[in-house]
Protein backbone atom coordinates (compact mmCIF):
# COMPACT_ATOMS: atom_id res chain seq x y z
CA UNK A 1 90.75 15.67 -14.82
CA UNK A 2 87.20 14.13 -14.43
CA UNK A 3 86.85 10.77 -16.11
CA UNK A 4 83.76 10.07 -18.52
CA UNK A 5 82.50 6.73 -19.87
CA UNK A 6 80.79 6.90 -23.05
CA UNK A 7 78.50 3.96 -23.60
CA UNK A 8 77.54 4.03 -27.36
CA UNK A 9 77.29 1.20 -30.09
CA UNK A 10 77.48 3.45 -33.04
CA UNK A 11 81.21 3.95 -33.74
CA UNK A 12 80.99 7.25 -35.52
CA UNK A 13 78.80 8.92 -32.76
CA UNK A 14 81.18 7.52 -30.11
CA UNK A 15 84.21 9.04 -31.77
CA UNK A 16 82.51 12.42 -32.36
CA UNK A 17 81.60 12.67 -28.58
CA UNK A 18 85.14 11.44 -27.58
CA UNK A 19 86.78 13.96 -29.90
CA UNK A 20 84.71 16.79 -28.51
CA UNK A 21 85.23 15.95 -24.86
CA UNK A 22 88.82 14.65 -24.56
CA UNK A 23 90.37 18.09 -24.41
CA UNK A 24 88.76 18.70 -21.15
CA UNK A 25 88.08 15.11 -19.82
CA UNK A 26 89.71 11.66 -19.53
CA UNK A 27 87.36 9.73 -21.86
CA UNK A 28 86.53 5.94 -21.93
CA UNK A 29 84.51 4.06 -24.49
CA UNK A 30 82.17 1.16 -24.37
CA UNK A 31 80.35 -0.33 -27.39
CA UNK A 32 78.17 -2.74 -25.26
CA UNK A 33 76.63 -3.05 -21.83
CA UNK A 34 78.72 -5.68 -20.56
CA UNK A 35 81.93 -3.82 -21.43
CA UNK A 36 80.31 -0.91 -19.78
CA UNK A 37 79.71 -2.51 -16.64
CA UNK A 38 83.31 -4.02 -16.57
CA UNK A 39 84.77 -0.47 -17.06
CA UNK A 40 82.59 0.82 -14.37
CA UNK A 41 83.76 -1.86 -11.91
CA UNK A 42 87.41 -1.14 -12.86
CA UNK A 43 87.44 2.63 -12.69
CA UNK A 44 86.34 5.65 -10.67
CA UNK A 45 84.26 7.52 -13.17
CA UNK A 46 82.66 11.04 -12.74
CA UNK A 47 80.04 10.74 -15.15
CA UNK A 48 78.48 8.34 -17.62
CA UNK A 49 76.97 9.10 -21.05
CA UNK A 50 74.58 6.01 -21.77
CA UNK A 51 72.69 5.15 -24.81
CA UNK A 52 69.75 2.79 -24.30
CA UNK A 53 69.92 0.69 -27.36
CA UNK A 54 73.19 -1.18 -26.90
CA UNK A 55 74.18 -4.85 -27.48
CA UNK A 56 74.41 -7.63 -24.95
CA UNK A 57 72.89 -5.48 -22.09
CA UNK A 58 70.49 -2.74 -22.59
CA UNK A 59 71.09 0.89 -21.36
CA UNK A 60 68.23 0.45 -18.97
CA UNK A 61 69.68 -2.72 -17.42
CA UNK A 62 73.06 -1.06 -17.25
CA UNK A 63 71.51 2.12 -15.46
CA UNK A 64 69.66 -0.17 -13.02
CA UNK A 65 72.84 -2.23 -12.17
CA UNK A 66 74.84 0.77 -11.58
CA UNK A 67 72.15 2.45 -9.34
CA UNK A 68 72.39 -0.51 -7.13
CA UNK A 69 75.78 0.57 -5.93
CA UNK A 70 76.50 4.21 -7.05
CA UNK A 71 74.77 7.53 -7.42
CA UNK A 72 77.18 8.59 -10.20
CA UNK A 73 75.68 11.14 -12.63
CA UNK A 74 74.24 9.45 -15.73
CA UNK A 75 73.05 11.31 -19.01
CA UNK A 76 71.10 9.15 -21.31
CA UNK A 77 71.68 9.85 -24.93
CA UNK A 78 69.19 7.99 -27.20
CA UNK A 79 66.87 7.87 -30.10
CA UNK A 80 63.99 7.20 -27.99
CA UNK A 81 62.36 10.68 -27.81
CA UNK A 82 58.83 10.07 -26.58
CA UNK A 83 57.58 11.72 -23.43
CA UNK A 84 56.99 8.15 -21.74
CA UNK A 85 60.62 7.11 -22.79
CA UNK A 86 61.99 10.21 -20.97
CA UNK A 87 59.94 9.57 -17.88
CA UNK A 88 61.15 5.87 -17.99
CA UNK A 89 64.75 7.11 -18.26
CA UNK A 90 64.38 9.36 -15.13
CA UNK A 91 62.73 6.62 -13.21
CA UNK A 92 65.57 4.21 -14.05
CA UNK A 93 67.85 6.98 -12.26
CA UNK A 94 69.20 9.04 -14.93
CA UNK A 95 70.19 12.51 -14.14
CA UNK A 96 69.62 14.02 -17.65
CA UNK A 97 68.11 12.84 -20.89
CA UNK A 98 69.37 13.93 -24.62
CA UNK A 99 67.61 12.67 -27.72
CA UNK A 100 69.43 12.05 -30.96
CA UNK A 101 70.16 13.96 -33.21
CA UNK A 102 72.08 16.17 -30.74
CA UNK A 103 74.35 19.00 -30.60
CA UNK A 104 77.86 18.20 -29.24
CA UNK A 105 78.05 21.69 -28.03
CA UNK A 106 74.77 21.17 -26.02
CA UNK A 107 76.02 17.77 -24.69
CA UNK A 108 79.10 19.39 -23.22
CA UNK A 109 77.11 22.17 -21.68
CA UNK A 110 74.86 19.62 -20.03
CA UNK A 111 77.87 17.55 -18.85
CA UNK A 112 79.36 20.70 -17.20
CA UNK A 113 76.16 21.42 -15.52
CA UNK A 114 75.59 17.87 -14.31
CA UNK A 115 79.17 17.60 -12.98
CA UNK A 116 78.95 21.09 -11.37
CA UNK A 117 75.79 20.18 -9.39
CA UNK A 118 77.39 16.79 -8.41
CA UNK A 119 80.58 18.25 -7.26
CA UNK A 120 78.91 21.18 -5.23
CA UNK A 121 79.98 20.90 -1.61
CA UNK A 122 77.05 22.00 0.57
CA UNK A 123 78.61 22.49 4.14
CA UNK A 124 75.23 22.58 6.06
CA UNK A 125 74.73 20.33 8.99
CA UNK A 126 72.62 17.22 8.89
CA UNK A 127 68.79 17.92 8.23
CA UNK A 128 66.48 15.76 10.03
CA UNK A 129 62.68 15.11 9.23
CA UNK A 130 60.11 12.85 10.84
CA UNK A 131 61.44 13.23 14.25
CA UNK A 132 64.85 12.01 13.05
CA UNK A 133 63.73 9.04 11.05
CA UNK A 134 64.92 10.71 7.99
CA UNK A 135 68.49 12.05 7.76
CA UNK A 136 69.79 14.39 5.02
CA UNK A 137 73.60 14.82 4.72
CA UNK A 138 73.99 17.76 2.30
CA UNK A 139 77.93 17.46 2.13
CA UNK A 140 77.70 13.76 1.23
CA UNK A 141 74.67 13.99 -0.89
CA UNK A 142 73.00 11.14 1.12
CA UNK A 143 69.59 10.52 2.52
CA UNK A 144 68.76 7.87 4.98
CA UNK A 145 65.58 6.59 6.42
CA UNK A 146 65.81 4.54 9.53
CA UNK A 147 69.64 4.35 8.74
CA UNK A 148 68.89 2.86 5.24
CA UNK A 149 70.13 4.68 2.16
CA UNK A 150 67.28 6.13 0.29
CA UNK A 151 69.44 6.09 -3.09
CA UNK A 152 68.34 9.37 -4.47
CA UNK A 153 69.83 10.32 -7.75
CA UNK A 154 72.01 13.53 -7.83
CA UNK A 155 69.28 15.46 -9.49
CA UNK A 156 66.62 14.15 -7.16
CA UNK A 157 68.78 15.23 -4.18
CA UNK A 158 69.33 18.59 -5.77
CA UNK A 159 65.57 18.94 -6.33
CA UNK A 160 64.92 18.04 -2.50
CA UNK A 161 67.66 20.54 -1.35
CA UNK A 162 66.58 23.28 -3.53
CA UNK A 163 62.94 23.05 -2.03
CA UNK A 164 64.33 22.81 1.62
CA UNK A 165 66.48 25.85 1.10
CA UNK A 166 63.43 27.76 -0.18
CA UNK A 167 61.25 26.30 2.52
CA UNK A 168 57.44 27.66 2.30
CA UNK A 169 58.20 29.34 -1.01
CA UNK A 170 56.53 27.96 -4.07
CA UNK A 171 59.01 27.09 -6.82
CA UNK A 172 57.81 26.44 -10.32
CA UNK A 173 58.73 23.38 -12.32
CA UNK A 174 60.71 25.70 -14.54
CA UNK A 175 62.39 27.23 -11.65
CA UNK A 176 63.34 23.98 -10.28
CA UNK A 177 64.48 22.45 -13.71
CA UNK A 178 66.60 25.56 -14.59
CA UNK A 179 68.25 25.88 -11.03
CA UNK A 180 68.85 22.26 -10.59
CA UNK A 181 69.82 21.06 -14.10
CA UNK A 182 72.01 24.12 -14.56
CA UNK A 183 70.60 25.18 -18.08
CA UNK A 184 67.79 26.79 -19.56
CA UNK A 185 66.10 23.32 -19.48
CA UNK A 186 63.90 22.58 -22.66
CA UNK A 187 62.25 19.79 -21.12
CA UNK A 188 58.48 19.32 -19.95
CA UNK A 189 56.41 19.65 -16.76
CA UNK A 190 56.32 15.90 -16.13
CA UNK A 191 60.01 15.75 -16.00
CA UNK A 192 60.12 17.52 -12.62
CA UNK A 193 56.80 15.67 -11.52
CA UNK A 194 58.61 12.44 -12.13
CA UNK A 195 61.49 13.51 -9.95
CA UNK A 196 59.23 14.68 -7.19
CA UNK A 197 57.17 11.35 -7.40
CA UNK A 198 60.41 9.37 -7.03
CA UNK A 199 61.78 11.39 -4.08
CA UNK A 200 58.46 10.89 -2.31
CA UNK A 201 58.57 7.21 -2.96
CA UNK A 202 62.07 6.80 -1.90
CA UNK A 203 61.46 8.73 1.24
CA UNK A 204 58.27 7.05 2.11
CA UNK A 205 56.38 10.37 2.09
CA UNK A 206 52.70 10.57 1.65
CA UNK A 207 51.38 13.10 -0.90
CA UNK A 208 51.97 16.65 0.33
CA UNK A 209 53.77 15.52 3.23
CA UNK A 210 56.75 17.89 3.47
CA UNK A 211 56.71 18.38 -0.34
CA UNK A 212 53.39 20.08 -1.20
CA UNK A 213 51.97 20.03 -4.75
CA UNK A 214 50.77 23.78 -5.44
CA UNK A 215 48.47 23.09 -8.31
CA UNK A 216 49.00 25.37 -11.33
CA UNK A 217 52.08 26.89 -9.74
CA UNK A 218 54.67 24.15 -8.70
CA UNK A 219 55.85 22.71 -5.30
CA UNK A 220 56.95 23.93 -1.94
CA UNK A 221 58.63 22.43 1.10
CA UNK A 222 56.67 22.98 4.40
CA UNK A 223 58.62 20.90 6.97
CA UNK A 224 60.41 22.57 9.95
CA UNK A 225 64.12 21.88 9.67
C-alpha cells in the first residue's frame, strides 16, 4: 500500500483528506513544516500533499528541502490561487497544484495520476545527448549531466520523455499536460512553459537546443537519440 504524507495545518481539512484516502493508502499527517520534514526523514513515502501556508516552516521551504535529496511526487494544496503562485509552485519542484476549495474526489484522481506516472517503469535503454554529456535513464527516472544529477521532478522527467518518445512531432501544451498529468488538465499554458523552462535550465540547454518552441503550436524534440 502506497504511503502518503498530508501536510496541512487546518485540522478539519487534514481529517477530510485522511478519511477520503485511508481506504486505499497508508496515510500520515503533519500539522507544520518541522514535523513534515521529520516524518519524511523517518519514512519512505510515495507522495506528499503539501499546504503552503503552514506553521514553523513554510510549504515552500519544506518543498525546497525535500528536493535537495528526493524526487518524491509532491502535490501542493493551497489557497494561493494566482497564476504567479502556481508558477512559483512548479519552480519549487511540485508535480501538481490544487487550489482551495477543492474536491476530495478530484484530489484522489490527481493522486492516482501522479503515482501512476511516478511508478511507470519505462524499460528503454540509456538515452544520451550532447555526445554523451547528458545521460537519461528512463527506468530510474534520472538525468545526469557530466555525471551530476540534474534533479528533474517526476513531471519534468515525464515531459522530457514524452517529447523524446515523439521526436520531431509538435506536441501542444494541452497534449503534454493531459498526457503527462494523466487528467484532463484544467491548468494554463504557462504551466507547461514553466516546466520546459526548468528542464532547459537543469540540462543547461540553450533555447531551442533539442527542445524547440513552435510558436502558436507547442514544443518538439529535435535531437538524434
